[in-house]
Amino acid sequence: MRASLREKAIAVCETKIARNGEGVGLSFYAFFANRNDDPELLMEAATWWISTHRLDHFEKAARIRRMLLDQL
């Protein structure tokens, strides 16, 4: 996963956790606007989420943040 996407995903996770608590879930779609304006980046996130890590559609934001930070 490219650094810019990782940083954005970490920020989204932190915002969701701050707003809704440690138990909040999200999908990789949370990292994008409601329109598909960058299909390559969306597929990169989907590949990381689905193919690489075999995650469920919704996962705890805290878990995703931890996984992303471990890759730094």
N, C-alpha and C. Protein backbone atom coordinates (compact mmCIF):
# COMPACT_ATOMS: atom_id res chain seq x y z
N MET A 1 0.85 -1.17 0.00
CA MET A 1 0.00 0.00 0.00
C MET A 1 0.90 1.23 0.00
N ARG A 2 0.59 2.15 -0.90
CA ARG A 2 1.42 3.37 -0.97
C ARG A 2 1.27 4.21 0.30
N ALA A 3 2.30 4.96 0.60
CA ALA A 3 2.37 5.74 1.85
C ALA A 3 1.21 6.72 1.98
N SER A 4 0.83 7.38 0.91
CA SER A 4 -0.25 8.39 1.00
C SER A 4 -1.58 7.73 1.38
N LEU A 5 -1.85 6.56 0.84
CA LEU A 5 -3.09 5.85 1.18
C LEU A 5 -3.02 5.36 2.62
N ARG A 6 -1.87 4.84 3.04
CA ARG A 6 -1.72 4.38 4.42
C ARG A 6 -1.94 5.52 5.40
N GLU A 7 -1.36 6.68 5.12
CA GLU A 7 -1.52 7.84 6.01
C GLU A 7 -2.98 8.28 6.07
N LYS A 8 -3.63 8.32 4.93
CA LYS A 8 -5.05 8.70 4.89
C LYS A 8 -5.90 7.70 5.67
N ALA A 9 -5.64 6.41 5.49
CA ALA A 9 -6.39 5.37 6.18
C ALA A 9 -6.20 5.45 7.69
N ILE A 10 -4.98 5.69 8.13
CA ILE A 10 -4.71 5.85 9.56
C ILE A 10 -5.48 7.04 10.11
N ALA A 11 -5.47 8.15 9.39
CA ALA A 11 -6.19 9.35 9.83
C ALA A 11 -7.69 9.08 9.92
N VAL A 12 -8.25 8.37 8.94
CA VAL A 12 -9.68 8.04 8.97
C VAL A 12 -9.98 7.16 10.17
N CYS A 13 -9.16 6.16 10.42
CA CYS A 13 -9.35 5.29 11.58
C CYS A 13 -9.31 6.10 12.87
N GLU A 14 -8.33 6.97 13.01
CA GLU A 14 -8.21 7.77 14.23
C GLU A 14 -9.41 8.68 14.42
N THR A 15 -9.91 9.28 13.34
CA THR A 15 -11.09 10.14 13.42
C THR A 15 -12.31 9.34 13.85
N LYS A 16 -12.52 8.19 13.24
CA LYS A 16 -13.67 7.34 13.59
C LYS A 16 -13.59 6.88 15.04
N ILE A 17 -12.41 6.48 15.49
CA ILE A 17 -12.23 6.03 16.87
C ILE A 17 -12.50 7.19 17.84
N ALA A 18 -11.97 8.37 17.54
CA ALA A 18 -12.18 9.53 18.41
C ALA A 18 -13.66 9.89 18.50
N ARG A 19 -14.36 9.75 17.40
CA ARG A 19 -15.78 10.13 17.34
C ARG A 19 -16.70 9.07 17.93
N ASN A 20 -16.37 7.78 17.71
CA ASN A 20 -17.30 6.72 18.06
C ASN A 20 -16.76 5.68 19.03
N GLY A 21 -15.52 5.80 19.44
CA GLY A 21 -14.95 4.86 20.40
C GLY A 21 -14.19 3.72 19.76
N GLU A 22 -13.48 2.96 20.59
CA GLU A 22 -12.60 1.88 20.14
C GLU A 22 -13.33 0.76 19.40
N GLY A 23 -14.61 0.60 19.64
CA GLY A 23 -15.35 -0.50 19.03
C GLY A 23 -15.92 -0.21 17.66
N VAL A 24 -15.69 0.98 17.13
CA VAL A 24 -16.28 1.35 15.85
C VAL A 24 -15.68 0.52 14.71
N GLY A 25 -16.56 0.12 13.79
CA GLY A 25 -16.11 -0.63 12.63
C GLY A 25 -16.12 0.25 11.39
N LEU A 26 -15.42 -0.23 10.37
CA LEU A 26 -15.42 0.47 9.08
C LEU A 26 -15.03 -0.50 7.99
N SER A 27 -15.24 -0.07 6.76
CA SER A 27 -14.79 -0.82 5.60
C SER A 27 -13.77 0.04 4.86
N PHE A 28 -13.11 -0.54 3.88
CA PHE A 28 -12.11 0.24 3.15
C PHE A 28 -12.73 1.38 2.37
N TYR A 29 -14.04 1.32 2.14
CA TYR A 29 -14.72 2.42 1.45
C TYR A 29 -14.67 3.71 2.27
N ALA A 30 -14.46 3.60 3.57
CA ALA A 30 -14.40 4.79 4.43
C ALA A 30 -13.22 5.68 4.08
N PHE A 31 -12.25 5.15 3.35
CA PHE A 31 -11.06 5.92 2.99
C PHE A 31 -11.27 6.77 1.74
N PHE A 32 -12.47 6.72 1.17
CA PHE A 32 -12.74 7.39 -0.11
C PHE A 32 -14.01 8.21 -0.05
N ALA A 33 -14.14 9.16 -0.98
CA ALA A 33 -15.36 9.94 -1.13
C ALA A 33 -16.46 9.02 -1.67
N ASN A 34 -17.67 9.51 -1.69
CA ASN A 34 -18.79 8.71 -2.16
C ASN A 34 -18.81 8.50 -3.66
N ARG A 35 -17.83 9.01 -4.36
CA ARG A 35 -17.75 8.76 -5.80
C ARG A 35 -16.40 8.12 -6.10
N ASN A 36 -16.38 7.37 -7.15
CA ASN A 36 -15.19 6.62 -7.52
C ASN A 36 -14.33 7.48 -8.43
N ASP A 37 -13.58 8.41 -7.84
CA ASP A 37 -12.77 9.33 -8.63
C ASP A 37 -11.33 8.86 -8.82
N ASP A 38 -10.95 7.76 -8.16
CA ASP A 38 -9.60 7.22 -8.32
C ASP A 38 -9.68 5.69 -8.24
N PRO A 39 -10.12 5.04 -9.32
CA PRO A 39 -10.33 3.59 -9.27
C PRO A 39 -9.06 2.79 -8.96
N GLU A 40 -7.90 3.24 -9.39
CA GLU A 40 -6.66 2.52 -9.10
C GLU A 40 -6.37 2.51 -7.60
N LEU A 41 -6.58 3.66 -6.94
CA LEU A 41 -6.34 3.74 -5.51
C LEU A 41 -7.37 2.90 -4.75
N LEU A 42 -8.61 2.93 -5.20
CA LEU A 42 -9.66 2.11 -4.58
C LEU A 42 -9.30 0.62 -4.69
N MET A 43 -8.83 0.20 -5.84
CA MET A 43 -8.45 -1.21 -6.03
C MET A 43 -7.23 -1.56 -5.18
N GLU A 44 -6.33 -0.61 -4.99
CA GLU A 44 -5.18 -0.86 -4.13
C GLU A 44 -5.64 -1.12 -2.69
N ALA A 45 -6.58 -0.31 -2.21
CA ALA A 45 -7.11 -0.50 -0.87
C ALA A 45 -7.87 -1.82 -0.78
N ALA A 46 -8.67 -2.11 -1.80
CA ALA A 46 -9.44 -3.36 -1.81
C ALA A 46 -8.52 -4.57 -1.82
N THR A 47 -7.45 -4.52 -2.59
CA THR A 47 -6.50 -5.63 -2.65
C THR A 47 -5.84 -5.84 -1.29
N TRP A 48 -5.41 -4.75 -0.65
CA TRP A 48 -4.80 -4.83 0.68
C TRP A 48 -5.78 -5.46 1.66
N TRP A 49 -7.03 -5.00 1.62
CA TRP A 49 -8.06 -5.40 2.58
C TRP A 49 -8.52 -6.84 2.33
N ILE A 50 -8.86 -7.15 1.07
CA ILE A 50 -9.50 -8.42 0.74
C ILE A 50 -8.49 -9.51 0.40
N SER A 51 -7.63 -9.26 -0.55
CA SER A 51 -6.72 -10.30 -1.03
C SER A 51 -5.54 -10.54 -0.09
N THR A 52 -4.91 -9.46 0.35
CA THR A 52 -3.71 -9.60 1.17
C THR A 52 -4.03 -10.07 2.58
N HIS A 53 -5.03 -9.44 3.21
CA HIS A 53 -5.30 -9.72 4.63
C HIS A 53 -6.57 -10.52 4.88
N ARG A 54 -7.35 -10.75 3.85
CA ARG A 54 -8.59 -11.55 3.96
C ARG A 54 -9.50 -11.07 5.09
N LEU A 55 -9.69 -9.75 5.15
CA LEU A 55 -10.53 -9.16 6.18
C LEU A 55 -12.00 -9.22 5.79
N ASP A 56 -12.87 -9.21 6.78
CA ASP A 56 -14.31 -9.12 6.54
C ASP A 56 -14.63 -7.74 6.00
N HIS A 57 -15.86 -7.59 5.49
CA HIS A 57 -16.25 -6.30 4.93
C HIS A 57 -16.11 -5.18 5.96
N PHE A 58 -16.58 -5.41 7.18
CA PHE A 58 -16.41 -4.44 8.26
C PHE A 58 -15.44 -5.01 9.29
N GLU A 59 -14.50 -4.17 9.69
CA GLU A 59 -13.52 -4.53 10.72
C GLU A 59 -13.43 -3.38 11.72
N LYS A 60 -12.92 -3.67 12.89
CA LYS A 60 -12.73 -2.63 13.90
C LYS A 60 -11.66 -1.65 13.41
N ALA A 61 -11.96 -0.37 13.52
CA ALA A 61 -11.01 0.66 13.09
C ALA A 61 -9.70 0.56 13.86
N ALA A 62 -9.79 0.19 15.14
CA ALA A 62 -8.57 0.06 15.95
C ALA A 62 -7.66 -1.04 15.40
N ARG A 63 -8.26 -2.13 14.93
CA ARG A 63 -7.46 -3.22 14.36
C ARG A 63 -6.78 -2.78 13.06
N ILE A 64 -7.53 -2.10 12.20
CA ILE A 64 -6.99 -1.63 10.93
C ILE A 64 -5.86 -0.63 11.19
N ARG A 65 -6.08 0.29 12.10
CA ARG A 65 -5.04 1.27 12.45
C ARG A 65 -3.77 0.57 12.92
N ARG A 66 -3.92 -0.43 13.78
CA ARG A 66 -2.78 -1.17 14.30
C ARG A 66 -2.04 -1.88 13.15
N MET A 67 -2.78 -2.50 12.26
CA MET A 67 -2.17 -3.19 11.12
C MET A 67 -1.39 -2.21 10.24
N LEU A 68 -1.97 -1.06 9.99
CA LEU A 68 -1.32 -0.05 9.15
C LEU A 68 -0.07 0.52 9.82
N LEU A 69 -0.15 0.78 11.11
CA LEU A 69 1.00 1.31 11.83
C LEU A 69 2.13 0.27 11.90
N ASP A 70 1.77 -1.00 11.98
CA ASP A 70 2.79 -2.06 12.02
C ASP A 70 3.58 -2.13 10.71
N GLN A 71 3.00 -1.62 9.63
CA GLN A 71 3.66 -1.67 8.32
C GLN A 71 4.59 -0.49 8.08
N LEU A 72 4.62 0.46 9.00
CA LEU A 72 5.50 1.63 8.81
C LEU A 72 6.95 1.27 8.98
